[in-house]
Amino acid sequence: MADGGIDMSMRTCETTGCDKSARLQCPTCIKLGIDGSFFCSQECFKGNWSEHKKIHKKEKQKSSIVDDVALAKQGKYNPWPGYIYTGKLRPFPTSPKREVPDHIERPDYADHPEGYAASEMTMRGNTQIKQLTKAEIEGMRTACRLAREVLDIGAKAVAVGVTADEIDRIVHEACVERNCYPSPLNYYNFPKSCCTSVNEVICHGIPDKRPLENGDIVNIDVTVYHNGYHGDLNETLFVGKIDERSKRLVKVTHECLMHAIEEVKPGVRYREVGNIIQKHAQAHGYSVVKAYCGHGIHKLFHTAPSVPHYAKNKAVGVMKPGHCFTIEPMISEGTWKDLTWPDNWTAVTQDGKRSAQFEHTLLVTDTGCEIMTRRLDKNGQPFFMD
């Protein structure tokens, strides 16, 4: 404990419940350049040590991240020596996990050390599809509207030089401002509040410190949890000036989603969704990723039905009014096959070619469907068409 050579006349001790004048400043904080950290005595400092040392840890993490980002920009950052990447994209450092205020309602996995979703696991293997009540439908409408607001805010931040980590921060803060928990955060230990998938990343990209580059495509996948319900959607966006090849991929991917949505109505088999999507994708020379599918959603993040996006699948179930689920096709330039980075989340194309995705949460009505996550302006068109 040391006297930092700072005027203490206006400082008070930072120990909770102590209002005495400060006489000393933490020497480690001085070295690390941390403002504050004033105490009246050694006794107060020692009594506060268990909490205070957390400040040092966070600051050291920040310094380490800054150093790693500098290495990454030089192409020298490699968290997985020996790993062979399929494309040009490389991982960058990530910031520490963001916190959600205690007053915000959270799903059961939010505070579990392994992010275990117990409520989902009790339904595992159960193919029965829940038909939502009027009250449950209103809960979903609210969650989906808020999810759309959050995605819109994140999408408007996309620009050359902006990092995915900065988009994640914006998404996280937008969730908190709306009293929502960002559903991806700690879901089976996913470390961030949204997914950002760039270029050859199919889905589940972890937001990191890599600045978006001119010509990139980036998918932002947002899910919020509000008053017990999840609302889920995603869009692929352009960064700067995009080549025609990528424009075409993104356009066709969105068409795949919309063609599938047009057929959603009571009596349609869930397996038919994949037939519609693959027919359109293949007609343009693209493939449909098979490893990931749409899913039921309401009070559970992922539940029945399972909605594959490829043809001749064996999905179980027939659409009925009150069913709520996502369709989220992932369409690739080359192979449909995927690999996962050693972070156990980032799914990439096996040949390193680009992949795009769009997603909506849908409600089956008596005559068709309601797009619950539809954009509220620009006649509902996605951002890439602006």
Foldseek 3Di string as FASTA:
>chain_A
DAAPPDDQPPAAAPQPPGGHGFRHADPLCVVLVHPDRTHNDPVSCVVCVVVVVVVVVLSVQVVVLVVQQVCVVVVNRDPDPPDDDQADDDDHAAHAFDDADPVFDDAPLQPPPQSDRVVQVVQPPPQDFDFDDPVLVVVQLVQLQLQLVLQVQLQVPAEFFDFLNVSQVSSCVSQNVVSWQLVVPRNSNLRTSWAKAKFQFQTQHRTHGDGDHAAIKIKIWTWIAHPLFIFTKMAIAHYHDHDPVVVVQRVLQVVLQVQLQQPAAFFAFLLVSQVSSQVSLVVVQKHWAFPAFKAFTGSDRHHDDTRTNHHPDDTDDTDDARTKMKGKIKIWNDDNDWDAPPVRGGIGDNNHGGITITMFIWGHHNGGIDRSNFNPPPRRDDPNVD
